[in-house]
Amino acid sequence: MDVDRPEVRTQAGVLRGEAGRAGTAVFRGVPFAEPPVGALRFAAPRPARGWDGVRTATAFGTPPPQSAAFGMDALAPPDTDDGDWLTLNVWTPDPAPGAGLPVMVWLLGGAYVIGMSGLPEYDGGRLAGEGGVVLVTLNYRLGIEGFAHIEGAPANRGLLDQVAALAWVRDNIRAFGGDPDRVTVFGESAGAGSLAALLSMPSAAGLFRRAVTQSVPGPFLSAPLAADIAGEFAAELGLRPTVDDLSTVAPHSLPAAADTVGARLERYADRWGVLAHTAIPLAPVVDGDVLPRAPWEALAAGAARDIELVSGHTRDEYRLFMALDGTLTEELTEDRATAALRTFSPVTGGAAGSGGSGGEEAYRKAFPGLDAAGLYELVRSDWLFRMPSLHLAEAQIAGGGRAHVYELVWEAPGMGGLLGACHGLDVPLVFGNLRGGLPALLLGEEPPAAAEEVSALFRAAWTGFAAGEGPGWPAYDLDRRPVRLFDVRPTVTAYPEEMSRELWQGHVFGALPLLGPGA
């Protein structure tokens, strides 16, 4: 095979890729479903049609429409959008059928409203080439197109896109040297939330054997809440939340409507509860069909007991968001800390966001040494990522499965060292892409040697897990609670966030309800 112009034959036709990093062959922009536009708008994904001859696969596919958050909409301009959003990319160190390599499929994050597989930080050459795995990254529908609960459309279309991509992997990955019986799915933030949902979805059953969830976000929506939110999106456009009405709006005009609603969330607190105190009103919907139950409930009932799980989080999850909105460098008042504690702290057996003064008192008693900023950051980290990630592992064990737990404690040197072990820091470390873009924000323009050392630990753990060798530390159990701490010198210790774990021990993560009028 020509190493500079490698070719593989998929079920749909022949692809010609090019040489990638670390001795890999890379195939970009491979369609796994038909463009979800025109008659297919807001529909479940349809398998991609075949082609004659050789299809060049050297350019990333068109990214789906993006929210304006962090300027991501500028990376997906409407004048270059052909609607061909549902594509994937494959890096392989051995594009020969029968090579039987482990397969890793990446689900990108971005709060379910931003993200594209063509970003440099997701280049899979190093992870695939040095780790001896076939690596797949993909685009899926975001925002209103992918996750709004619209009358006449299937729920969770973005999740259905991911299932379609995994079905493509099952049917085609042998041609790239991969073993379809050794597929590991890994994702971070909204990608981890998506993966938690996939672990619960009947349509995803049998498509992967292992899963790595990096910082699972807690918000999942009940169908009534999601429908009410979609109604506000549509009302912003003077429309009803139906396929017929929203199909009259160009795809690139929809994110602005969601952004406008997102900018005034607190006015919906009487209806949307704790979700109104966040920044993004979109998440997977527990609709009873595509997603029958919230992941924690489904896993505790044994839905994923045959899937090996690694679940973890960073130590200082919310610090990144505080840096981005300016609260990390300004004096945070006691009033704001009190409001956060009352909004986000748990009540045993109650709904998220129902902590009230009792939750505030429990946090202040458990962490007497923390100032207002420390308490604000801690409770928001616990509610949004840390406790959902831990509870997912504990639910897997309760359901008869196996789970490993980790925490990233190595501190990012970017932004003058203010970020700590923040949300998203694990992404460049896992891929080994330590320069430019997001990695530069987190690691600095010239990453220190320690970043390379911690990256090597992550890459070895994830690829070893995908190969069936385990991640390199003991499985979690409810007595000893062994956890890998990722640092320059990694250790295994009892779960280090013990006070938070105890505060949240009786809490049940589930679908957020619709409150007040219309409930």
Protein backbone atom coordinates (compact mmCIF):
# COMPACT_ATOMS: atom_id res chain seq x y z
CA MET A 1 0.00 0.00 0.00
CA ASP A 2 1.18 3.51 -0.86
CA VAL A 3 1.92 5.01 2.58
CA ASP A 4 1.31 8.55 1.29
CA ARG A 5 -1.95 7.66 -0.50
CA PRO A 6 -3.41 4.74 1.46
CA GLU A 7 -6.64 3.21 0.22
CA VAL A 8 -9.26 1.11 1.99
CA ARG A 9 -12.52 -0.40 0.79
CA THR A 10 -15.56 0.29 2.99
CA GLN A 11 -19.08 -0.99 2.44
CA ALA A 12 -19.94 2.28 0.70
CA GLY A 13 -16.87 2.43 -1.55
CA VAL A 14 -13.12 2.99 -1.71
CA LEU A 15 -11.48 5.76 0.32
CA ARG A 16 -8.11 7.35 -0.30
CA GLY A 17 -6.47 8.99 2.69
CA GLU A 18 -3.00 10.32 3.40
CA ALA A 19 -0.10 9.90 5.79
CA GLY A 20 -0.77 11.14 9.33
CA ARG A 21 1.35 11.70 12.42
CA ALA A 22 3.38 8.99 14.14
CA GLY A 23 3.34 6.65 11.17
CA THR A 24 -0.42 6.51 10.83
CA ALA A 25 -2.69 6.62 7.83
CA VAL A 26 -5.56 9.06 8.22
CA PHE A 27 -8.92 9.19 6.45
CA ARG A 28 -10.92 12.38 7.07
CA GLY A 29 -14.47 13.45 6.33
CA VAL A 30 -15.88 9.94 5.86
CA PRO A 31 -19.70 10.03 5.75
CA PHE A 32 -21.44 7.70 8.19
CA ALA A 33 -24.93 9.07 7.49
CA GLU A 34 -26.72 11.15 4.92
CA PRO A 35 -26.68 14.94 5.44
CA PRO A 36 -29.57 15.66 7.85
CA VAL A 37 -30.98 18.54 5.83
CA GLY A 38 -33.93 19.03 3.50
CA ALA A 39 -36.36 16.14 3.87
CA LEU A 40 -34.06 14.56 6.50
CA ARG A 41 -33.95 17.64 8.74
CA PHE A 42 -34.61 16.75 12.40
CA ALA A 43 -34.91 13.06 11.45
CA ALA A 44 -33.01 10.10 12.80
CA PRO A 45 -29.78 9.56 10.82
CA ARG A 46 -29.97 7.53 7.60
CA PRO A 47 -27.04 5.39 6.38
CA ALA A 48 -24.76 7.15 3.91
CA ARG A 49 -25.14 6.23 0.26
CA GLY A 50 -22.32 4.53 -1.58
CA TRP A 51 -20.17 5.97 -4.36
CA ASP A 52 -18.36 4.76 -7.45
CA GLY A 53 -14.62 5.06 -7.94
CA VAL A 54 -12.25 6.35 -5.27
CA ARG A 55 -13.39 9.02 -2.80
CA THR A 56 -10.69 11.37 -1.52
CA ALA A 57 -10.74 11.49 2.28
CA THR A 58 -8.13 14.10 3.18
CA ALA A 59 -10.29 16.98 4.46
CA PHE A 60 -12.44 17.15 7.58
CA GLY A 61 -16.18 17.20 7.04
CA THR A 62 -18.34 20.28 7.45
CA PRO A 63 -18.86 21.09 11.15
CA PRO A 64 -22.46 21.30 12.37
CA PRO A 65 -23.89 24.73 13.19
CA GLN A 66 -22.33 26.14 16.35
CA SER A 67 -23.32 28.35 19.24
CA ALA A 68 -21.49 31.68 19.41
CA ALA A 69 -19.85 30.57 22.67
CA PHE A 70 -16.07 31.15 22.53
CA GLY A 71 -16.45 32.34 18.93
CA MET A 72 -17.10 28.82 17.65
CA ASP A 73 -19.73 30.01 15.18
CA ALA A 74 -16.97 31.75 13.20
CA LEU A 75 -15.39 28.33 12.54
CA ALA A 76 -18.56 27.10 10.85
CA PRO A 77 -19.66 29.89 8.49
CA PRO A 78 -22.96 29.31 6.67
CA ASP A 79 -21.53 30.14 3.25
CA THR A 80 -19.35 27.01 3.38
CA ASP A 81 -21.99 24.69 4.86
CA ASP A 82 -23.19 21.89 2.61
CA GLY A 83 -25.10 20.17 5.42
CA ASP A 84 -22.77 17.18 5.32
CA TRP A 85 -22.22 17.29 9.07
CA LEU A 86 -22.30 13.57 9.86
CA THR A 87 -18.76 12.50 9.05
CA LEU A 88 -15.97 10.79 10.93
CA ASN A 89 -12.20 10.49 10.75
CA VAL A 90 -9.98 7.43 11.19
CA TRP A 91 -6.31 7.22 12.16
CA THR A 92 -4.73 3.79 11.92
CA PRO A 93 -1.17 2.51 12.35
CA ASP A 94 -1.94 -0.53 10.16
CA PRO A 95 -4.65 -0.09 7.50
CA ALA A 96 -4.77 -3.78 6.66
CA PRO A 97 -7.86 -5.96 7.10
CA GLY A 98 -7.15 -8.58 9.72
CA ALA A 99 -4.70 -6.50 11.79
CA GLY A 100 -7.16 -6.82 14.69
CA LEU A 101 -6.17 -3.63 16.51
CA PRO A 102 -8.18 -2.18 19.41
CA VAL A 103 -10.51 0.63 18.38
CA MET A 104 -11.11 3.88 20.27
CA VAL A 105 -14.00 6.19 19.36
CA TRP A 106 -13.89 9.77 20.68
CA LEU A 107 -17.00 11.80 21.56
CA LEU A 108 -16.10 15.48 21.79
CA GLY A 109 -17.49 17.85 24.40
CA GLY A 110 -18.86 21.37 24.20
CA ALA A 111 -22.01 21.62 26.35
CA TYR A 112 -24.03 19.97 23.54
CA VAL A 113 -23.88 23.26 21.58
CA ILE A 114 -20.29 23.57 20.26
CA GLY A 115 -17.58 21.24 18.99
CA MET A 116 -16.12 19.88 15.78
CA SER A 117 -13.84 16.94 15.10
CA GLY A 118 -11.49 18.97 12.92
CA LEU A 119 -10.02 20.96 15.82
CA PRO A 120 -6.24 20.44 16.14
CA GLU A 121 -6.50 19.22 19.73
CA TYR A 122 -8.42 16.18 18.46
CA ASP A 123 -5.79 15.08 15.95
CA GLY A 124 -5.58 11.35 16.61
CA GLY A 125 -2.23 10.56 15.02
CA ARG A 126 -0.15 10.43 18.18
CA LEU A 127 -2.62 8.49 20.29
CA ALA A 128 -3.21 5.98 17.50
CA GLY A 129 0.37 5.66 16.27
CA GLU A 130 2.12 5.39 19.62
CA GLY A 131 -0.70 3.51 21.30
CA GLY A 132 -1.27 0.90 18.61
CA VAL A 133 -5.00 1.59 18.27
CA VAL A 134 -7.36 2.60 15.49
CA LEU A 135 -8.82 5.97 16.51
CA VAL A 136 -12.12 7.40 15.30
CA THR A 137 -13.41 10.95 15.89
CA LEU A 138 -16.75 12.26 14.65
CA ASN A 139 -19.19 15.12 14.33
CA TYR A 140 -22.74 14.90 15.62
CA ARG A 141 -25.65 17.34 15.57
CA LEU A 142 -25.57 19.98 18.31
CA GLY A 143 -27.87 22.60 19.80
CA ILE A 144 -31.46 22.74 18.57
CA GLU A 145 -30.65 20.51 15.58
CA GLY A 146 -29.34 17.72 17.80
CA PHE A 147 -30.91 18.02 21.25
CA ALA A 148 -34.03 20.25 21.36
CA HIS A 149 -37.20 18.28 22.16
CA ILE A 150 -39.26 19.09 19.07
CA GLU A 151 -42.74 17.87 18.22
CA GLY A 152 -42.60 15.49 15.26
CA ALA A 153 -38.90 14.64 15.67
CA PRO A 154 -37.15 11.83 17.54
CA ALA A 155 -35.56 12.91 20.80
CA ASN A 156 -31.79 13.06 21.24
CA ARG A 157 -30.88 13.22 17.58
CA GLY A 158 -27.27 13.98 18.48
CA LEU A 159 -27.11 10.73 20.44
CA LEU A 160 -28.69 8.85 17.53
CA ASP A 161 -25.95 10.28 15.31
CA GLN A 162 -23.37 8.79 17.68
CA VAL A 163 -25.12 5.40 17.53
CA ALA A 164 -25.05 5.60 13.73
CA ALA A 165 -21.30 6.31 13.81
CA LEU A 166 -20.74 3.31 16.09
CA ALA A 167 -22.77 1.13 13.74
CA TRP A 168 -20.52 2.34 10.92
CA VAL A 169 -17.49 1.36 13.01
CA ARG A 170 -18.96 -2.09 13.59
CA ASP A 171 -19.51 -2.60 9.87
CA ASN A 172 -16.36 -1.01 8.44
CA ILE A 173 -13.50 -0.79 10.92
CA ARG A 174 -11.91 -4.09 9.88
CA ALA A 175 -10.92 -2.40 6.62
CA PHE A 176 -8.78 0.01 8.66
CA GLY A 177 -7.11 -2.72 10.72
CA GLY A 178 -9.51 -2.50 13.65
CA ASP A 179 -11.32 -5.21 15.58
CA PRO A 180 -15.07 -4.43 15.84
CA ASP A 181 -15.27 -6.66 18.90
CA ARG A 182 -12.76 -4.48 20.78
CA VAL A 183 -14.31 -1.01 20.62
CA THR A 184 -13.78 1.50 23.45
CA VAL A 185 -15.75 4.75 23.45
CA PHE A 186 -14.26 7.68 25.35
CA GLY A 187 -15.51 11.21 25.77
CA GLU A 188 -15.14 14.34 27.87
CA SER A 189 -17.71 16.76 29.27
CA ALA A 190 -20.76 16.67 26.96
CA GLY A 191 -19.01 13.79 25.21
CA ALA A 192 -18.91 11.96 28.54
CA GLY A 193 -22.56 12.82 29.15
CA SER A 194 -23.36 11.44 25.72
CA LEU A 195 -21.44 8.29 26.54
CA ALA A 196 -23.29 7.89 29.84
CA ALA A 197 -26.48 8.05 27.81
CA LEU A 198 -25.19 5.49 25.29
CA LEU A 199 -24.51 3.10 28.17
CA SER A 200 -28.23 3.35 28.92
CA MET A 201 -29.67 3.21 25.38
CA PRO A 202 -31.02 -0.02 23.87
CA SER A 203 -30.03 1.14 20.38
CA ALA A 204 -26.35 1.30 21.43
CA ALA A 205 -26.27 -2.15 23.00
CA GLY A 206 -23.49 -4.34 21.63
CA LEU A 207 -21.70 -1.55 19.76
CA PHE A 208 -18.82 -1.17 22.25
CA ARG A 209 -17.25 -3.15 25.08
CA ARG A 210 -15.45 -0.49 27.11
CA ALA A 211 -16.12 3.12 28.04
CA VAL A 212 -14.10 6.00 29.49
CA THR A 213 -16.15 8.92 30.81
CA GLN A 214 -14.09 12.03 31.54
CA SER A 215 -16.07 14.57 33.63
CA VAL A 216 -19.68 13.47 33.19
CA PRO A 217 -22.04 16.47 33.45
CA GLY A 218 -25.00 15.95 35.76
CA PRO A 219 -27.84 17.69 33.88
CA PHE A 220 -30.23 15.38 32.04
CA LEU A 221 -33.69 16.70 31.21
CA SER A 222 -37.15 15.26 31.69
CA ALA A 223 -39.34 15.35 28.59
CA PRO A 224 -41.70 18.04 30.00
CA LEU A 225 -38.76 20.30 30.91
CA ALA A 226 -37.11 19.78 27.53
CA ALA A 227 -40.36 20.53 25.71
CA ASP A 228 -40.83 23.74 27.68
CA ILE A 229 -37.29 24.83 26.82
CA ALA A 230 -37.85 24.05 23.13
CA GLY A 231 -40.98 26.19 23.30
CA GLU A 232 -38.88 29.15 24.42
CA PHE A 233 -36.38 28.56 21.60
CA ALA A 234 -39.19 28.55 19.04
CA ALA A 235 -40.94 31.55 20.59
CA GLU A 236 -37.74 33.55 20.16
CA LEU A 237 -38.27 33.01 16.41
CA GLY A 238 -42.02 33.58 16.52
CA LEU A 239 -42.65 29.89 15.82
CA ARG A 240 -43.98 26.72 17.43
CA PRO A 241 -41.54 23.98 18.58
CA THR A 242 -42.47 21.65 15.72
CA VAL A 243 -40.57 20.16 12.82
CA ASP A 244 -42.82 21.96 10.33
CA ASP A 245 -42.15 25.38 11.86
CA LEU A 246 -38.46 25.05 12.69
CA SER A 247 -37.67 23.54 9.28
CA THR A 248 -38.45 26.93 7.78
CA VAL A 249 -35.42 28.40 9.59
CA ALA A 250 -31.94 27.98 8.13
CA PRO A 251 -29.80 25.69 10.32
CA HIS A 252 -27.24 28.41 11.02
CA SER A 253 -29.96 30.74 12.35
CA LEU A 254 -31.07 28.37 15.11
CA PRO A 255 -28.05 28.60 17.45
CA ALA A 256 -28.63 32.33 17.92
CA ALA A 257 -32.13 31.64 19.27
CA ALA A 258 -30.75 29.15 21.78
CA ASP A 259 -27.98 31.58 22.74
CA THR A 260 -30.53 34.34 23.37
CA VAL A 261 -32.58 32.13 25.67
CA GLY A 262 -29.39 30.95 27.35
CA ALA A 263 -28.38 34.52 28.11
CA ARG A 264 -31.51 35.10 30.22
CA LEU A 265 -31.87 31.74 31.92
CA GLU A 266 -32.40 33.08 35.43
CA ARG A 267 -35.80 34.49 34.47
CA TYR A 268 -37.00 30.88 34.06
CA ALA A 269 -35.99 29.77 37.58
CA ASP A 270 -39.60 29.18 38.66
CA ARG A 271 -40.05 26.66 35.81
CA TRP A 272 -36.60 25.26 35.12
CA GLY A 273 -35.17 25.16 38.63
CA VAL A 274 -31.45 24.57 38.96
CA LEU A 275 -30.94 24.51 35.17
CA ALA A 276 -31.83 28.22 35.10
CA HIS A 277 -28.67 28.91 37.12
CA THR A 278 -26.36 27.39 34.50
CA ALA A 279 -25.27 28.70 31.10
CA ILE A 280 -26.66 26.10 28.68
CA PRO A 281 -30.30 24.92 28.55
CA LEU A 282 -29.63 21.81 26.43
CA ALA A 283 -28.80 18.25 27.49
CA PRO A 284 -29.91 14.70 26.70
CA VAL A 285 -33.61 14.10 27.26
CA VAL A 286 -34.94 11.15 29.24
CA ASP A 287 -37.82 10.65 26.82
CA GLY A 288 -38.68 7.03 27.70
CA ASP A 289 -37.90 5.81 24.18
CA VAL A 290 -34.48 6.77 22.78
CA LEU A 291 -33.23 7.24 26.35
CA PRO A 292 -35.52 5.25 28.66
CA ARG A 293 -33.91 6.22 31.98
CA ALA A 294 -31.28 8.56 33.35
CA PRO A 295 -27.84 6.89 33.20
CA TRP A 296 -27.38 6.51 36.95
CA GLU A 297 -30.68 4.71 37.34
CA ALA A 298 -30.10 2.58 34.23
CA LEU A 299 -26.60 1.48 35.26
CA ALA A 300 -27.70 0.68 38.80
CA ALA A 301 -30.31 -1.61 37.25
CA GLY A 302 -27.60 -3.43 35.27
CA ALA A 303 -28.00 -1.82 31.83
CA ALA A 304 -24.23 -1.76 31.22
CA ARG A 305 -22.98 -4.53 33.50
CA ASP A 306 -21.13 -6.19 30.59
CA ILE A 307 -19.23 -3.01 29.70
CA GLU A 308 -15.99 -2.16 31.49
CA LEU A 309 -16.00 1.43 32.69
CA VAL A 310 -13.42 4.04 33.63
CA SER A 311 -15.01 7.17 35.11
CA GLY A 312 -13.27 10.18 36.57
CA HIS A 313 -12.95 13.92 36.85
CA THR A 314 -10.46 16.69 37.46
CA ARG A 315 -9.92 18.06 40.96
CA ASP A 316 -10.76 21.70 40.20
CA GLU A 317 -13.47 21.25 37.57
CA TYR A 318 -15.24 24.60 37.79
CA ARG A 319 -12.14 26.76 37.96
CA LEU A 320 -11.93 26.99 34.16
CA PHE A 321 -15.40 28.55 33.98
CA MET A 322 -14.52 30.99 36.75
CA ALA A 323 -11.44 32.00 34.79
CA LEU A 324 -13.49 32.53 31.64
CA ASP A 325 -16.21 34.62 33.30
CA GLY A 326 -13.81 36.65 35.46
CA THR A 327 -14.91 35.37 38.87
CA LEU A 328 -11.56 33.64 39.44
CA THR A 329 -9.66 36.93 39.66
CA GLU A 330 -12.29 39.13 41.35
CA GLU A 331 -13.37 39.08 44.96
CA LEU A 332 -16.35 36.77 45.20
CA THR A 333 -18.90 37.87 47.80
CA GLU A 334 -20.41 35.82 50.59
CA ASP A 335 -23.83 36.45 49.04
CA ARG A 336 -22.80 34.76 45.79
CA ALA A 337 -21.31 31.82 47.69
CA THR A 338 -24.49 31.47 49.73
CA ALA A 339 -26.65 31.55 46.61
CA ALA A 340 -24.50 28.88 44.94
CA LEU A 341 -24.56 26.66 48.01
CA ARG A 342 -28.33 26.92 48.31
CA THR A 343 -28.83 26.30 44.58
CA PHE A 344 -26.44 23.44 43.91
CA SER A 345 -25.94 21.52 47.17
CA PRO A 346 -27.87 18.27 47.65
CA VAL A 347 -30.61 17.08 49.93
CA THR A 348 -30.60 13.35 50.60
CA GLY A 349 -32.97 11.70 48.17
CA GLY A 350 -34.06 15.09 46.81
CA ALA A 351 -33.74 16.83 43.48
CA ALA A 352 -30.57 18.62 42.47
CA GLY A 353 -30.80 22.25 43.38
CA SER A 354 -33.08 21.72 46.37
CA GLY A 355 -30.37 22.10 48.98
CA GLY A 356 -31.62 25.34 50.48
CA SER A 357 -30.11 26.55 53.73
CA GLY A 358 -29.63 22.97 54.93
CA GLY A 359 -27.30 22.26 52.03
CA GLU A 360 -25.43 25.48 52.65
CA GLU A 361 -24.91 24.65 56.31
CA ALA A 362 -23.70 21.14 55.49
CA TYR A 363 -21.04 22.47 53.09
CA ARG A 364 -19.88 25.17 55.48
CA LYS A 365 -19.58 22.65 58.29
CA ALA A 366 -17.73 20.13 56.13
CA PHE A 367 -15.28 22.73 54.73
CA PRO A 368 -14.73 25.32 57.49
CA GLY A 369 -11.42 26.50 56.03
CA LEU A 370 -12.79 27.57 52.63
CA ASP A 371 -13.56 31.20 51.85
CA ALA A 372 -16.49 32.35 49.69
CA ALA A 373 -14.67 31.74 46.40
CA GLY A 374 -13.56 28.28 47.50
CA LEU A 375 -17.06 27.24 48.52
CA TYR A 376 -18.56 28.65 45.31
CA GLU A 377 -16.08 26.73 43.17
CA LEU A 378 -16.39 23.53 45.16
CA VAL A 379 -20.16 23.17 45.15
CA ARG A 380 -20.39 23.97 41.45
CA SER A 381 -17.62 21.46 40.68
CA ASP A 382 -19.38 18.81 42.75
CA TRP A 383 -22.81 19.36 41.23
CA LEU A 384 -21.76 19.71 37.61
CA PHE A 385 -19.02 17.08 37.15
CA ARG A 386 -17.36 15.51 40.18
CA MET A 387 -20.27 13.78 41.88
CA PRO A 388 -22.03 12.74 38.64
CA SER A 389 -18.79 11.04 37.55
CA LEU A 390 -18.30 9.26 40.86
CA HIS A 391 -21.96 8.24 41.08
CA LEU A 392 -21.81 6.79 37.57
CA ALA A 393 -19.02 4.44 38.67
CA GLU A 394 -20.91 3.53 41.83
CA ALA A 395 -24.10 2.88 39.83
CA GLN A 396 -22.14 0.58 37.52
CA ILE A 397 -20.92 -1.41 40.51
CA ALA A 398 -24.42 -1.52 42.02
CA GLY A 399 -25.67 -2.98 38.74
CA GLY A 400 -23.16 -5.81 38.81
CA GLY A 401 -20.54 -4.22 36.57
CA ARG A 402 -16.91 -3.19 36.97
CA ALA A 403 -15.53 0.35 37.15
CA HIS A 404 -12.25 2.16 37.69
CA VAL A 405 -12.14 5.71 39.06
CA TYR A 406 -9.52 8.44 38.59
CA GLU A 407 -8.92 12.09 39.42
CA LEU A 408 -6.57 14.45 37.60
CA VAL A 409 -4.67 16.49 40.21
CA TRP A 410 -1.73 17.79 38.14
CA GLU A 411 -2.13 21.55 37.86
CA ALA A 412 -2.25 23.41 34.56
CA PRO A 413 0.52 26.01 34.18
CA GLY A 414 -1.55 28.24 31.85
CA MET A 415 -3.01 31.62 32.89
CA GLY A 416 -0.32 32.11 35.47
CA GLY A 417 -1.08 28.85 37.24
CA LEU A 418 -4.55 29.98 38.32
CA LEU A 419 -6.39 27.11 36.66
CA GLY A 420 -5.32 24.26 38.91
CA ALA A 421 -6.47 20.84 37.72
CA CYS A 422 -9.35 22.36 35.78
CA HIS A 423 -12.07 21.09 33.48
CA GLY A 424 -10.79 20.14 30.03
CA LEU A 425 -7.15 19.78 31.07
CA ASP A 426 -7.33 16.04 30.43
CA VAL A 427 -8.18 16.48 26.73
CA PRO A 428 -4.74 17.60 25.44
CA LEU A 429 -3.10 15.18 27.87
CA VAL A 430 -5.08 12.21 26.54
CA PHE A 431 -4.44 13.04 22.89
CA GLY A 432 -0.84 14.14 23.42
CA ASN A 433 -1.47 17.40 21.52
CA LEU A 434 0.10 19.93 23.86
CA ARG A 435 0.50 23.05 21.73
CA GLY A 436 -1.75 25.64 20.11
CA GLY A 437 -5.44 26.43 20.62
CA LEU A 438 -7.02 25.15 23.82
CA PRO A 439 -3.80 23.35 24.88
CA ALA A 440 -1.94 26.66 24.80
CA LEU A 441 -4.56 28.26 27.07
CA LEU A 442 -4.23 25.43 29.58
CA LEU A 443 -0.54 24.57 29.29
CA GLY A 444 1.07 27.79 28.09
CA GLU A 445 2.69 28.45 24.74
CA GLU A 446 5.58 26.18 25.66
CA PRO A 447 4.27 23.27 27.75
CA PRO A 448 6.56 22.08 30.55
CA ALA A 449 8.18 18.67 30.57
CA ALA A 450 5.73 17.60 33.27
CA ALA A 451 2.84 17.96 30.78
CA GLU A 452 4.50 15.39 28.54
CA GLU A 453 4.99 13.06 31.49
CA VAL A 454 1.36 13.22 32.62
CA SER A 455 0.21 12.90 29.01
CA ALA A 456 2.21 9.70 28.64
CA LEU A 457 0.48 8.30 31.72
CA PHE A 458 -2.97 9.07 30.34
CA ARG A 459 -2.22 7.69 26.90
CA ALA A 460 -0.79 4.46 28.30
CA ALA A 461 -3.76 4.02 30.63
CA TRP A 462 -6.40 4.64 27.98
CA THR A 463 -4.80 2.54 25.23
CA GLY A 464 -3.98 -0.24 27.69
CA PHE A 465 -7.60 -0.27 28.79
CA ALA A 466 -8.75 -0.39 25.15
CA ALA A 467 -6.42 -3.33 24.52
CA GLY A 468 -8.02 -5.29 27.36
CA GLU A 469 -5.08 -4.96 29.74
CA GLY A 470 -6.88 -2.70 32.23
CA PRO A 471 -6.00 0.95 32.88
CA GLY A 472 -3.21 0.16 35.35
CA TRP A 473 -4.83 0.48 38.79
CA PRO A 474 -7.35 -1.58 40.79
CA ALA A 475 -11.06 -1.53 40.13
CA TYR A 476 -13.16 0.65 42.41
CA ASP A 477 -15.09 -0.95 45.25
CA LEU A 478 -17.32 0.55 47.90
CA ASP A 479 -15.10 -0.44 50.82
CA ARG A 480 -11.55 0.58 49.90
CA ARG A 481 -12.52 3.05 47.10
CA PRO A 482 -9.17 2.94 45.25
CA VAL A 483 -8.66 5.85 42.85
CA ARG A 484 -5.78 6.71 40.50
CA LEU A 485 -4.52 10.26 40.99
CA PHE A 486 -2.94 11.48 37.76
CA ASP A 487 0.12 13.57 38.55
CA VAL A 488 3.77 13.54 37.53
CA ARG A 489 4.15 10.81 40.13
CA PRO A 490 0.81 8.98 40.03
CA THR A 491 -0.55 7.32 43.13
CA VAL A 492 -3.49 5.13 44.08
CA THR A 493 -5.37 6.22 47.17
CA ALA A 494 -8.82 6.11 48.70
CA TYR A 495 -11.17 8.52 46.95
CA PRO A 496 -9.66 11.90 47.89
CA GLU A 497 -12.83 14.02 47.86
CA GLU A 498 -14.29 12.18 50.83
CA MET A 499 -16.18 15.08 52.38
CA SER A 500 -17.96 15.82 49.11
CA ARG A 501 -18.67 12.13 48.61
CA GLU A 502 -20.34 11.93 52.03
CA LEU A 503 -22.41 15.07 51.42
CA TRP A 504 -23.73 13.63 48.16
CA GLN A 505 -24.00 10.01 49.25
CA GLY A 506 -27.78 9.92 49.40
CA HIS A 507 -28.41 12.13 46.40
CA VAL A 508 -30.07 10.66 43.32
CA PHE A 509 -29.00 12.05 39.95
CA GLY A 510 -31.83 11.87 37.47
CA ALA A 511 -33.84 13.82 34.93
CA LEU A 512 -34.42 17.42 36.00
CA PRO A 513 -38.14 18.17 36.30
CA LEU A 514 -40.29 20.97 34.97
CA LEU A 515 -41.47 23.12 37.87
CA GLY A 516 -44.30 25.59 38.26
CA PRO A 517 -46.71 26.50 35.44
CA GLY A 518 -46.96 23.84 32.76
CA ALA A 519 -45.49 21.11 34.97
